[in-house]
Amino acid sequence: MTEYPWPDWGSDKDYGTRVVAAWPDTVRNLPLGAPVTGEVVGRRPFGVFLSIAHHPEAIGLAEITAMPRCMELPRVGEHVTGLVLWHADHNHQVKIKLTEWDEHADLLLPLADMIGQTVSGQVTTVAPIGAFVRVADCVEGLIRPEELPEATAAEGQEFMVAILGVDLERHRILLAAARGR
């Protein structure tokens, strides 16, 4: 089995038709903020598809954009809990935020009060958009290429970084190499 299987609806060729027909009931029965439980039935690089308990014609999707960097996507067959974030009318999916991800949601709050301060960090990933630097357990920020201390940064490299900004809504931290390291 591949690491990222699509959901397998078996031989049920009418499943998609039933999902579309049941969409008004799905939206009504699963309002925003409603708690849900379900089983992971598909796993893709962008998130996991869920079979939502007690709603056989509802397709749930927990997207990776809502997942903290230190976590991994649940595997097919795992049972999960979450909250309804929104309804994607164009593809009849219920967008879900998994409860286990909430445990890490407030890790950025202390850093929001530290804008302008300098902290120690370690490069975890180097990408064309810059270097990702771990500044706390399960918290990474981005240093843009023009803010890197050398022309290239290497994974594992440690240096002092300044916290330029914290976007709590998008779970992002912008960093710069501290001057006079």
C-alpha atoms as a PDB file:
ATOM      1  CA  MET A   1       0.000   0.000   0.000  1.00  0.00           C
ATOM      2  CA  THR A   2       1.245   3.482  -0.846  1.00  0.00           C
ATOM      3  CA  GLU A   3       1.882   6.018   1.918  1.00  0.00           C
ATOM      4  CA  TYR A   4      -0.782   8.273   0.386  1.00  0.00           C
ATOM      5  CA  PRO A   5      -3.765   6.168  -0.725  1.00  0.00           C
ATOM      6  CA  TRP A   6      -6.926   7.761  -2.046  1.00  0.00           C
ATOM      7  CA  PRO A   7     -10.131   6.785  -0.248  1.00  0.00           C
ATOM      8  CA  ASP A   8     -11.438   3.440  -1.402  1.00  0.00           C
ATOM      9  CA  TRP A   9     -15.195   3.593  -1.729  1.00  0.00           C
ATOM     10  CA  GLY A  10     -15.179  -0.006  -2.934  1.00  0.00           C
ATOM     11  CA  SER A  11     -17.654  -1.056  -5.573  1.00  0.00           C
ATOM     12  CA  ASP A  12     -20.141   1.661  -4.554  1.00  0.00           C
ATOM     13  CA  LYS A  13     -20.346   3.550  -7.842  1.00  0.00           C
ATOM     14  CA  ASP A  14     -23.265   5.692  -6.577  1.00  0.00           C
ATOM     15  CA  TYR A  15     -21.400   7.050  -3.529  1.00  0.00           C
ATOM     16  CA  GLY A  16     -20.528  10.396  -5.181  1.00  0.00           C
ATOM     17  CA  THR A  17     -24.127  10.904  -6.289  1.00  0.00           C
ATOM     18  CA  ARG A  18     -25.372  10.234  -2.746  1.00  0.00           C
ATOM     19  CA  VAL A  19     -22.796  12.674  -1.287  1.00  0.00           C
ATOM     20  CA  VAL A  20     -24.062  15.451  -3.581  1.00  0.00           C
ATOM     21  CA  ALA A  21     -27.733  14.654  -2.860  1.00  0.00           C
ATOM     22  CA  ALA A  22     -27.115  14.608   0.903  1.00  0.00           C
ATOM     23  CA  TRP A  23     -25.058  17.829   0.928  1.00  0.00           C
ATOM     24  CA  PRO A  24     -27.853  20.130   2.256  1.00  0.00           C
ATOM     25  CA  ASP A  25     -28.478  17.677   5.134  1.00  0.00           C
ATOM     26  CA  THR A  26     -24.732  17.362   5.773  1.00  0.00           C
ATOM     27  CA  VAL A  27     -24.362  21.140   6.104  1.00  0.00           C
ATOM     28  CA  ARG A  28     -27.405  21.355   8.382  1.00  0.00           C
ATOM     29  CA  ASN A  29     -26.391  18.396  10.585  1.00  0.00           C
ATOM     30  CA  LEU A  30     -22.705  19.354  10.823  1.00  0.00           C
ATOM     31  CA  PRO A  31     -22.679  23.118  11.518  1.00  0.00           C
ATOM     32  CA  LEU A  32     -19.462  25.083  11.951  1.00  0.00           C
ATOM     33  CA  GLY A  33     -17.848  24.215  15.268  1.00  0.00           C
ATOM     34  CA  ALA A  34     -19.649  20.875  15.579  1.00  0.00           C
ATOM     35  CA  PRO A  35     -17.548  18.107  17.119  1.00  0.00           C
ATOM     36  CA  VAL A  36     -17.043  15.057  14.902  1.00  0.00           C
ATOM     37  CA  THR A  37     -15.411  11.671  15.098  1.00  0.00           C
ATOM     38  CA  GLY A  38     -14.398   9.550  12.196  1.00  0.00           C
ATOM     39  CA  GLU A  39     -12.007   7.136  10.593  1.00  0.00           C
ATOM     40  CA  VAL A  40      -9.208   8.099   8.230  1.00  0.00           C
ATOM     41  CA  VAL A  41     -10.101   6.527   4.872  1.00  0.00           C
ATOM     42  CA  GLY A  42      -7.580   8.282   2.630  1.00  0.00           C
ATOM     43  CA  ARG A  43      -4.242   9.985   3.070  1.00  0.00           C
ATOM     44  CA  ARG A  44      -2.721  12.496   0.669  1.00  0.00           C
ATOM     45  CA  PRO A  45       0.216  14.918   0.961  1.00  0.00           C
ATOM     46  CA  PHE A  46      -2.317  17.752   1.447  1.00  0.00           C
ATOM     47  CA  GLY A  47      -4.320  16.071   4.253  1.00  0.00           C
ATOM     48  CA  VAL A  48      -6.512  13.144   5.244  1.00  0.00           C
ATOM     49  CA  PHE A  49     -10.004  12.158   4.149  1.00  0.00           C
ATOM     50  CA  LEU A  50     -12.406  11.084   6.870  1.00  0.00           C
ATOM     51  CA  SER A  51     -15.475   8.933   7.009  1.00  0.00           C
ATOM     52  CA  ILE A  52     -17.507  10.898   9.555  1.00  0.00           C
ATOM     53  CA  ALA A  53     -19.303   8.771  12.149  1.00  0.00           C
ATOM     54  CA  HIS A  54     -23.118   8.808  11.895  1.00  0.00           C
ATOM     55  CA  HIS A  55     -22.939  10.687   8.566  1.00  0.00           C
ATOM     56  CA  PRO A  56     -22.265   8.035   5.908  1.00  0.00           C
ATOM     57  CA  GLU A  57     -22.733  10.456   3.002  1.00  0.00           C
ATOM     58  CA  ALA A  58     -20.350  13.093   4.385  1.00  0.00           C
ATOM     59  CA  ILE A  59     -16.724  13.378   3.310  1.00  0.00           C
ATOM     60  CA  GLY A  60     -14.417  15.055   5.804  1.00  0.00           C
ATOM     61  CA  LEU A  61     -11.033  16.535   4.979  1.00  0.00           C
ATOM     62  CA  ALA A  62      -8.417  17.615   7.506  1.00  0.00           C
ATOM     63  CA  GLU A  63      -5.881  19.656   5.542  1.00  0.00           C
ATOM     64  CA  ILE A  64      -2.196  19.799   6.315  1.00  0.00           C
ATOM     65  CA  THR A  65      -2.322  23.618   6.433  1.00  0.00           C
ATOM     66  CA  ALA A  66      -4.031  23.334   9.831  1.00  0.00           C
ATOM     67  CA  MET A  67      -1.493  20.791  11.122  1.00  0.00           C
ATOM     68  CA  PRO A  68       1.344  21.890  13.402  1.00  0.00           C
ATOM     69  CA  ARG A  69       4.763  21.287  11.837  1.00  0.00           C
ATOM     70  CA  CYS A  70       5.830  18.812  14.516  1.00  0.00           C
ATOM     71  CA  MET A  71       2.921  16.466  13.915  1.00  0.00           C
ATOM     72  CA  GLU A  72       2.300  13.796  11.314  1.00  0.00           C
ATOM     73  CA  LEU A  73      -0.822  12.981   9.378  1.00  0.00           C
ATOM     74  CA  PRO A  74      -2.820  10.151  10.918  1.00  0.00           C
ATOM     75  CA  ARG A  75      -2.699   6.829   9.068  1.00  0.00           C
ATOM     76  CA  VAL A  76      -5.544   5.139   7.204  1.00  0.00           C
ATOM     77  CA  GLY A  77      -7.719   3.264   9.688  1.00  0.00           C
ATOM     78  CA  GLU A  78      -6.984   5.583  12.637  1.00  0.00           C
ATOM     79  CA  HIS A  79      -9.943   7.035  14.502  1.00  0.00           C
ATOM     80  CA  VAL A  80      -9.801  10.778  15.065  1.00  0.00           C
ATOM     81  CA  THR A  81     -11.855  13.594  16.563  1.00  0.00           C
ATOM     82  CA  GLY A  82     -12.170  17.164  15.434  1.00  0.00           C
ATOM     83  CA  LEU A  83     -14.301  20.217  14.811  1.00  0.00           C
ATOM     84  CA  VAL A  84     -16.050  21.352  11.637  1.00  0.00           C
ATOM     85  CA  LEU A  85     -14.207  24.405  10.249  1.00  0.00           C
ATOM     86  CA  TRP A  86     -16.243  25.070   7.100  1.00  0.00           C
ATOM     87  CA  HIS A  87     -18.196  23.505   4.264  1.00  0.00           C
ATOM     88  CA  ALA A  88     -16.624  23.397   0.813  1.00  0.00           C
ATOM     89  CA  ASP A  89     -19.672  23.613  -1.422  1.00  0.00           C
ATOM     90  CA  HIS A  90     -17.695  23.250  -4.653  1.00  0.00           C
ATOM     91  CA  ASN A  91     -16.566  19.688  -3.820  1.00  0.00           C
ATOM     92  CA  HIS A  92     -19.016  18.748  -1.048  1.00  0.00           C
ATOM     93  CA  GLN A  93     -16.397  18.288   1.661  1.00  0.00           C
ATOM     94  CA  VAL A  94     -16.602  19.073   5.342  1.00  0.00           C
ATOM     95  CA  LYS A  95     -13.329  20.714   6.377  1.00  0.00           C
ATOM     96  CA  ILE A  96     -12.169  19.459   9.773  1.00  0.00           C
ATOM     97  CA  LYS A  97      -9.529  20.576  12.271  1.00  0.00           C
ATOM     98  CA  LEU A  98      -8.321  17.576  14.226  1.00  0.00           C
ATOM     99  CA  THR A  99      -8.495  17.878  18.014  1.00  0.00           C
ATOM    100  CA  GLU A 100      -4.995  16.466  18.455  1.00  0.00           C
ATOM    101  CA  TRP A 101      -3.684  19.460  16.491  1.00  0.00           C
ATOM    102  CA  ASP A 102      -5.243  21.883  18.993  1.00  0.00           C
ATOM    103  CA  GLU A 103      -2.763  20.771  21.654  1.00  0.00           C
ATOM    104  CA  HIS A 104      -0.095  22.646  19.694  1.00  0.00           C
ATOM    105  CA  ALA A 105      -2.195  25.611  18.567  1.00  0.00           C
ATOM    106  CA  ASP A 106      -1.097  27.971  21.318  1.00  0.00           C
ATOM    107  CA  LEU A 107       2.659  27.327  21.069  1.00  0.00           C
ATOM    108  CA  LEU A 108       3.068  30.581  19.138  1.00  0.00           C
ATOM    109  CA  LEU A 109       1.333  32.776  21.722  1.00  0.00           C
ATOM    110  CA  PRO A 110       4.436  33.299  23.916  1.00  0.00           C
ATOM    111  CA  LEU A 111       6.474  34.176  20.825  1.00  0.00           C
ATOM    112  CA  ALA A 112       3.961  36.840  19.777  1.00  0.00           C
ATOM    113  CA  ASP A 113       5.075  38.839  22.837  1.00  0.00           C
ATOM    114  CA  MET A 114       8.740  38.428  21.846  1.00  0.00           C
ATOM    115  CA  ILE A 115       8.767  40.346  18.546  1.00  0.00           C
ATOM    116  CA  GLY A 116      12.094  42.149  18.264  1.00  0.00           C
ATOM    117  CA  GLN A 117      13.819  39.817  20.721  1.00  0.00           C
ATOM    118  CA  THR A 118      16.675  37.454  19.920  1.00  0.00           C
ATOM    119  CA  VAL A 119      16.558  33.700  20.553  1.00  0.00           C
ATOM    120  CA  SER A 120      18.730  30.714  19.708  1.00  0.00           C
ATOM    121  CA  GLY A 121      17.645  28.569  16.781  1.00  0.00           C
ATOM    122  CA  GLN A 122      18.683  25.563  14.730  1.00  0.00           C
ATOM    123  CA  VAL A 123      18.169  25.179  10.977  1.00  0.00           C
ATOM    124  CA  THR A 124      15.865  22.230  10.264  1.00  0.00           C
ATOM    125  CA  THR A 125      15.252  22.650   6.535  1.00  0.00           C
ATOM    126  CA  VAL A 126      16.809  24.706   3.760  1.00  0.00           C
ATOM    127  CA  ALA A 127      14.501  25.550   0.858  1.00  0.00           C
ATOM    128  CA  PRO A 128      14.471  28.017  -2.058  1.00  0.00           C
ATOM    129  CA  ILE A 129      12.279  30.361   0.027  1.00  0.00           C
ATOM    130  CA  GLY A 130      14.794  30.420   2.892  1.00  0.00           C
ATOM    131  CA  ALA A 131      15.713  28.406   5.953  1.00  0.00           C
ATOM    132  CA  PHE A 132      13.312  27.011   8.518  1.00  0.00           C
ATOM    133  CA  VAL A 133      14.703  27.408  12.018  1.00  0.00           C
ATOM    134  CA  ARG A 134      13.436  25.665  15.173  1.00  0.00           C
ATOM    135  CA  VAL A 135      13.182  28.260  17.951  1.00  0.00           C
ATOM    136  CA  ALA A 136      11.246  26.126  20.470  1.00  0.00           C
ATOM    137  CA  ASP A 137       9.849  22.608  20.727  1.00  0.00           C
ATOM    138  CA  CYS A 138       7.505  22.119  17.789  1.00  0.00           C
ATOM    139  CA  VAL A 139       7.929  25.748  16.653  1.00  0.00           C
ATOM    140  CA  GLU A 140       9.770  26.741  13.487  1.00  0.00           C
ATOM    141  CA  GLY A 141      10.092  30.064  11.745  1.00  0.00           C
ATOM    142  CA  LEU A 142      11.343  31.138   8.333  1.00  0.00           C
ATOM    143  CA  ILE A 143      14.416  33.205   7.538  1.00  0.00           C
ATOM    144  CA  ARG A 144      14.176  34.560   4.009  1.00  0.00           C
ATOM    145  CA  PRO A 145      17.294  34.127   1.855  1.00  0.00           C
ATOM    146  CA  GLU A 146      18.202  37.823   2.093  1.00  0.00           C
ATOM    147  CA  GLU A 147      18.142  37.549   5.905  1.00  0.00           C
ATOM    148  CA  LEU A 148      20.463  34.536   6.157  1.00  0.00           C
ATOM    149  CA  PRO A 149      23.821  35.152   7.835  1.00  0.00           C
ATOM    150  CA  GLU A 150      25.758  33.431   5.064  1.00  0.00           C
ATOM    151  CA  ALA A 151      25.034  32.810   1.420  1.00  0.00           C
ATOM    152  CA  THR A 152      23.956  29.316   2.374  1.00  0.00           C
ATOM    153  CA  ALA A 153      22.620  27.782   5.563  1.00  0.00           C
ATOM    154  CA  ALA A 154      23.007  24.128   6.475  1.00  0.00           C
ATOM    155  CA  GLU A 155      20.670  21.825   8.327  1.00  0.00           C
ATOM    156  CA  GLY A 156      21.744  21.535  11.942  1.00  0.00           C
ATOM    157  CA  GLN A 157      23.443  24.944  11.937  1.00  0.00           C
ATOM    158  CA  GLU A 158      22.750  26.959  15.098  1.00  0.00           C
ATOM    159  CA  PHE A 159      22.709  30.723  15.416  1.00  0.00           C
ATOM    160  CA  MET A 160      20.868  33.580  17.064  1.00  0.00           C
ATOM    161  CA  VAL A 161      17.739  34.845  15.319  1.00  0.00           C
ATOM    162  CA  ALA A 162      15.532  37.866  15.796  1.00  0.00           C
ATOM    163  CA  ILE A 163      11.763  37.378  15.822  1.00  0.00           C
ATOM    164  CA  LEU A 164      10.396  39.786  13.191  1.00  0.00           C
ATOM    165  CA  GLY A 165       6.759  38.764  13.230  1.00  0.00           C
ATOM    166  CA  VAL A 166       4.278  36.142  14.405  1.00  0.00           C
ATOM    167  CA  ASP A 167       1.117  35.413  12.409  1.00  0.00           C
ATOM    168  CA  LEU A 168      -1.117  33.504  14.828  1.00  0.00           C
ATOM    169  CA  GLU A 169      -3.864  32.984  12.266  1.00  0.00           C
ATOM    170  CA  ARG A 170      -1.590  31.364   9.678  1.00  0.00           C
ATOM    171  CA  HIS A 171       0.737  29.769  12.272  1.00  0.00           C
ATOM    172  CA  ARG A 172       3.846  31.428  10.867  1.00  0.00           C
ATOM    173  CA  ILE A 173       6.909  33.107  12.335  1.00  0.00           C
ATOM    174  CA  LEU A 174       9.213  35.384  10.365  1.00  0.00           C
ATOM    175  CA  LEU A 175      12.818  35.483  11.531  1.00  0.00           C
ATOM    176  CA  ALA A 176      16.084  37.214  10.672  1.00  0.00           C
ATOM    177  CA  ALA A 177      19.625  36.361  11.613  1.00  0.00           C
ATOM    178  CA  ALA A 178      20.584  38.418  14.657  1.00  0.00           C
ATOM    179  CA  ARG A 179      23.183  41.073  13.874  1.00  0.00           C
ATOM    180  CA  GLY A 180      26.546  40.776  15.590  1.00  0.00           C
ATOM    181  CA  ARG A 181      26.088  37.102  16.333  1.00  0.00           C
END
